Amino acid sequence: MLGVGVCGATWAGGELVSGGPFTPLFGAKGQAPVDVEAFDLDTYPVTNGEYLEFVRRVEKWRRSKVPPIFSDAGYLGHWSGDLDPGPGGGVGNRSPVTNVSWFAAKAYCASVGRRLPTLEEWEFAARASEDRTDAVDDPAFRERILSWYARPTGETLPPVGSTFRNVYGVFDLHGLVWEWVWDWNSVLVTGESRADVAVDKQLYCAGAAAGATDLSDYAAFLRYAMRASLEARYTVRNVGFRCAADLSPGDTR
């Protein structure tokens, strides 16, 4: 599929994630699985080079121009200038862009005719290993994810494609950066996404363990807790993003 953004940018498509039943980590006990519809997900996180093209096209998202309401002071803090990622961009600017707010990530995806993936879409895709659509019950798969979470973030991130390719053809869902999702805060509190209407306190303290549907999936628990610590204008050195899209009618990939 070919996306055309509001700023004239085009995007050639990602990978088909086939979708299916999925029980969120903090679903109510006895809750029926939700049905995640098939969707298109970027093969890689957005790179510094791709984000550079975005800020060249859209001046208001340059580092010196972005309003404080849309980003904190750390926005693109690893770049050397408005239009210069410098060493922080990685070799060929192929490292994933980080230090971008939720607002900025959302704007980038819209500029290429796409959107951020929902939390359920991202978590569904992230359960896949190289050869299984759902490898969460594989101890080796879980340990690989947790071992990355335990490592400090380096000054310059590796290029995209540095980690494993899952069964859908998607790289780097684990092992490179954490990633923004559309409704990152919908589990816990009302907030900047404006889509959530109720407060769910299951993640706090002992309630987190009591409310989880899979007590052994500690990696997912960490992701939900990390998201709960964010606000839409926050920028973080190891939080990037990728885009997604609904499937076009007749897409039979």
Protein backbone atom coordinates (compact mmCIF):
# COMPACT_ATOMS: atom_id res chain seq x y z
CA MET A 1 0.00 0.00 0.00
CA LEU A 2 1.14 3.56 -0.66
CA GLY A 3 0.45 6.30 1.85
CA VAL A 4 0.37 9.99 0.94
CA GLY A 5 0.77 12.41 3.83
CA VAL A 6 -0.61 15.85 4.38
CA CYS A 7 2.77 17.36 3.60
CA GLY A 8 3.22 15.53 0.31
CA ALA A 9 5.44 12.80 1.73
CA THR A 10 4.80 9.24 0.59
CA TRP A 11 5.34 5.96 2.33
CA ALA A 12 5.46 2.58 0.60
CA GLY A 13 4.08 0.29 3.31
CA GLY A 14 5.18 -1.98 6.12
CA GLU A 15 4.37 -5.49 7.22
CA LEU A 16 1.01 -7.20 7.54
CA VAL A 17 0.22 -8.22 11.11
CA SER A 18 -2.58 -10.72 10.69
CA GLY A 19 -4.40 -9.97 13.94
CA GLY A 20 -6.46 -12.29 16.08
CA PRO A 21 -7.67 -12.77 19.66
CA PHE A 22 -5.64 -11.10 22.38
CA THR A 23 -6.13 -10.74 26.13
CA PRO A 24 -4.49 -7.52 27.41
CA LEU A 25 -2.16 -7.97 30.35
CA PHE A 26 -4.47 -6.11 32.73
CA GLY A 27 -7.83 -7.30 31.42
CA ALA A 28 -10.40 -8.24 34.00
CA LYS A 29 -10.31 -11.83 35.22
CA GLY A 30 -12.53 -13.94 33.01
CA GLN A 31 -12.58 -11.26 30.31
CA ALA A 32 -12.98 -12.60 26.81
CA PRO A 33 -10.02 -11.83 24.53
CA VAL A 34 -10.33 -8.73 22.37
CA ASP A 35 -10.13 -9.20 18.62
CA VAL A 36 -7.22 -7.28 17.08
CA GLU A 37 -7.98 -6.66 13.43
CA ALA A 38 -5.24 -7.14 10.85
CA PHE A 39 -3.17 -4.00 10.34
CA ASP A 40 -0.05 -2.67 8.66
CA LEU A 41 2.98 -1.94 10.89
CA ASP A 42 6.26 -0.27 9.98
CA THR A 43 9.07 -2.73 9.45
CA TYR A 44 11.45 -0.57 11.51
CA PRO A 45 11.21 2.27 14.01
CA VAL A 46 11.40 5.74 12.44
CA THR A 47 15.03 6.77 11.99
CA ASN A 48 16.77 10.07 12.60
CA GLY A 49 17.17 10.41 8.84
CA GLU A 50 13.45 9.99 8.23
CA TYR A 51 12.64 12.43 10.99
CA LEU A 52 15.10 14.90 9.51
CA GLU A 53 13.11 14.85 6.26
CA PHE A 54 9.97 15.50 8.29
CA VAL A 55 11.33 18.58 10.06
CA ARG A 56 12.70 19.88 6.77
CA ARG A 57 9.15 19.77 5.41
CA VAL A 58 7.36 20.93 8.56
CA GLU A 59 9.23 23.82 10.18
CA LYS A 60 7.10 23.98 13.33
CA TRP A 61 8.50 20.60 14.45
CA ARG A 62 12.13 21.73 14.33
CA ARG A 63 13.96 21.71 17.63
CA SER A 64 14.04 25.50 18.01
CA LYS A 65 10.43 25.96 16.90
CA VAL A 66 8.35 23.37 18.72
CA PRO A 67 6.00 24.97 21.31
CA PRO A 68 6.59 23.89 24.93
CA ILE A 69 3.01 22.67 25.17
CA PHE A 70 3.88 19.96 22.65
CA SER A 71 7.28 18.94 23.96
CA ASP A 72 9.57 19.36 26.92
CA ALA A 73 13.06 20.88 26.72
CA GLY A 74 14.71 17.58 25.79
CA TYR A 75 13.13 17.43 22.33
CA LEU A 76 15.73 16.14 19.85
CA GLY A 77 18.33 16.86 22.49
CA HIS A 78 20.75 14.36 20.94
CA TRP A 79 20.82 16.35 17.67
CA SER A 80 23.46 18.97 16.89
CA GLY A 81 20.97 21.43 15.43
CA ASP A 82 17.55 21.93 13.90
CA LEU A 83 18.54 20.20 10.66
CA ASP A 84 21.61 18.33 11.82
CA PRO A 85 21.30 15.06 13.75
CA GLY A 86 25.08 14.95 14.06
CA PRO A 87 26.69 11.92 15.73
CA GLY A 88 23.47 11.28 17.64
CA GLY A 89 21.80 10.21 14.41
CA GLY A 90 24.03 7.18 14.11
CA VAL A 91 25.81 5.97 10.99
CA GLY A 92 23.91 7.33 8.00
CA ASN A 93 21.30 8.69 10.42
CA ARG A 94 19.97 5.11 10.61
CA SER A 95 19.59 4.98 14.37
CA PRO A 96 15.99 5.23 15.61
CA VAL A 97 14.91 8.77 16.44
CA THR A 98 14.25 9.32 20.13
CA ASN A 99 13.72 12.35 22.36
CA VAL A 100 10.41 12.97 20.58
CA SER A 101 7.11 13.58 22.34
CA TRP A 102 3.86 11.73 21.70
CA PHE A 103 2.58 14.84 19.95
CA ALA A 104 5.60 14.85 17.63
CA ALA A 105 5.36 11.14 16.89
CA LYS A 106 1.67 11.49 16.09
CA ALA A 107 2.37 14.44 13.78
CA TYR A 108 5.10 12.54 11.94
CA CYS A 109 2.85 9.55 11.27
CA ALA A 110 0.05 11.81 10.05
CA SER A 111 2.52 13.51 7.68
CA VAL A 112 3.06 10.20 5.86
CA GLY A 113 -0.60 9.22 5.85
CA ARG A 114 -0.35 6.86 8.81
CA ARG A 115 -0.93 6.79 12.57
CA LEU A 116 0.64 5.47 15.73
CA PRO A 117 -0.29 1.85 16.50
CA THR A 118 -2.74 1.31 19.32
CA LEU A 119 -1.49 -0.25 22.53
CA GLU A 120 -3.32 -3.48 21.74
CA GLU A 121 -1.88 -3.60 18.21
CA TRP A 122 1.67 -3.01 19.44
CA GLU A 123 1.41 -5.56 22.24
CA PHE A 124 -0.14 -8.11 19.89
CA ALA A 125 2.72 -7.76 17.39
CA ALA A 126 5.30 -7.75 20.18
CA ARG A 127 4.31 -11.25 21.29
CA ALA A 128 5.80 -12.71 18.12
CA SER A 129 9.23 -14.32 17.91
CA GLU A 130 11.10 -15.30 14.75
CA ASP A 131 8.88 -18.32 14.16
CA ARG A 132 5.83 -17.99 16.40
CA THR A 133 3.01 -15.44 16.43
CA ASP A 134 2.74 -15.84 20.21
CA ALA A 135 5.96 -16.74 22.02
CA VAL A 136 5.10 -15.23 25.41
CA ASP A 137 5.14 -18.68 27.04
CA ASP A 138 8.70 -19.31 25.79
CA PRO A 139 11.14 -18.65 28.68
CA ALA A 140 14.01 -17.92 26.29
CA PHE A 141 11.94 -15.29 24.46
CA ARG A 142 11.01 -13.60 27.72
CA GLU A 143 14.56 -13.69 29.01
CA ARG A 144 15.88 -12.08 25.82
CA ILE A 145 13.48 -9.15 26.27
CA LEU A 146 14.21 -8.72 29.96
CA SER A 147 17.96 -8.82 29.40
CA TRP A 148 17.64 -5.83 27.07
CA TYR A 149 15.50 -3.93 29.59
CA ALA A 150 18.33 -4.40 32.10
CA ARG A 151 21.01 -2.85 29.87
CA PRO A 152 21.77 0.89 29.97
CA THR A 153 21.14 2.96 26.84
CA GLY A 154 24.32 3.94 25.00
CA GLU A 155 25.18 7.41 23.79
CA THR A 156 24.53 6.42 20.17
CA LEU A 157 21.90 3.82 19.43
CA PRO A 158 22.51 0.99 16.96
CA PRO A 159 20.88 1.28 13.53
CA VAL A 160 17.39 -0.04 12.92
CA GLY A 161 17.34 -3.69 11.91
CA SER A 162 19.89 -4.56 14.59
CA THR A 163 17.58 -6.93 16.45
CA PHE A 164 15.56 -9.93 15.40
CA ARG A 165 12.94 -10.03 12.64
CA ASN A 166 9.73 -11.52 13.96
CA VAL A 167 7.39 -13.87 12.12
CA TYR A 168 5.48 -10.92 10.61
CA GLY A 169 8.67 -9.39 9.17
CA VAL A 170 8.85 -6.60 11.79
CA PHE A 171 12.24 -5.73 13.31
CA ASP A 172 13.23 -4.14 16.61
CA LEU A 173 10.04 -4.39 18.68
CA HIS A 174 12.40 -5.52 21.43
CA GLY A 175 16.05 -4.72 21.97
CA LEU A 176 16.45 -1.24 20.50
CA VAL A 177 14.05 1.39 21.92
CA TRP A 178 10.77 1.62 23.79
CA GLU A 179 8.01 2.97 21.55
CA TRP A 180 5.10 5.38 21.77
CA VAL A 181 1.63 4.05 21.02
CA TRP A 182 -1.54 6.00 20.29
CA ASP A 183 -3.30 5.30 23.59
CA TRP A 184 -0.21 4.85 25.76
CA ASN A 185 -2.00 6.01 28.93
CA SER A 186 -5.40 4.39 28.48
CA VAL A 187 -4.78 1.70 31.10
CA LEU A 188 -4.26 4.12 33.95
CA VAL A 189 -5.47 7.67 33.78
CA THR A 190 -7.25 10.25 31.72
CA GLY A 191 -4.74 12.35 29.80
CA GLU A 192 -3.54 13.91 26.61
CA SER A 193 -4.86 11.26 24.24
CA ARG A 194 -8.41 12.38 25.20
CA ALA A 195 -9.69 8.90 24.33
CA ASP A 196 -9.72 7.46 27.83
CA VAL A 197 -12.58 8.22 30.17
CA ALA A 198 -12.05 6.10 33.26
CA VAL A 199 -9.30 5.68 35.83
CA ASP A 200 -7.94 2.14 36.19
CA LYS A 201 -5.61 1.75 39.17
CA GLN A 202 -4.75 -1.92 38.66
CA LEU A 203 -1.12 -1.13 37.92
CA TYR A 204 -0.41 0.47 41.28
CA CYS A 205 1.56 -1.54 43.82
CA ALA A 206 -0.02 -4.88 44.79
CA GLY A 207 -3.02 -4.21 42.59
CA ALA A 208 -0.80 -4.62 39.58
CA ALA A 209 -0.02 -8.25 40.35
CA ALA A 210 -3.57 -9.03 41.43
CA GLY A 211 -5.07 -7.60 38.23
CA ALA A 212 -2.68 -9.07 35.68
CA THR A 213 -4.03 -11.84 33.47
CA ASP A 214 -0.56 -13.37 33.04
CA LEU A 215 1.56 -13.06 36.16
CA SER A 216 4.63 -14.48 34.40
CA ASP A 217 4.77 -11.85 31.65
CA TYR A 218 6.97 -9.44 33.57
CA ALA A 219 8.29 -7.82 30.38
CA ALA A 220 4.79 -6.65 29.47
CA PHE A 221 4.29 -5.40 33.03
CA LEU A 222 7.41 -3.24 32.66
CA ARG A 223 6.14 -1.78 29.40
CA TYR A 224 2.77 -0.86 30.91
CA ALA A 225 4.48 0.68 33.93
CA MET A 226 6.88 2.65 31.71
CA ARG A 227 4.00 4.06 29.70
CA ALA A 228 2.21 5.04 32.89
CA SER A 229 5.20 7.21 33.82
CA LEU A 230 4.93 9.33 30.67
CA GLU A 231 3.09 12.47 29.70
CA ALA A 232 2.37 13.39 26.09
CA ARG A 233 4.98 16.17 26.00
CA TYR A 234 7.77 14.08 27.56
CA THR A 235 10.88 13.21 25.57
CA VAL A 236 13.05 10.26 26.58
CA ARG A 237 16.46 9.16 25.30
CA ASN A 238 15.33 5.57 24.67
CA VAL A 239 11.71 6.11 23.55
CA GLY A 240 11.07 6.23 19.81
CA PHE A 241 8.14 5.18 17.64
CA ARG A 242 6.94 3.55 14.46
CA CYS A 243 3.76 4.07 12.45
CA ALA A 244 0.85 1.83 11.54
CA ALA A 245 -2.23 1.91 9.32
CA ASP A 246 -5.51 0.16 8.80
CA LEU A 247 -5.52 -2.17 5.81
CA SER A 248 -6.88 -0.85 2.55
CA PRO A 249 -9.98 -2.58 1.15
CA GLY A 250 -8.90 -5.55 -0.89
CA ASP A 251 -5.42 -5.79 0.67
CA THR A 252 -4.73 -9.53 0.43
CA ARG A 253 -1.10 -9.68 1.44
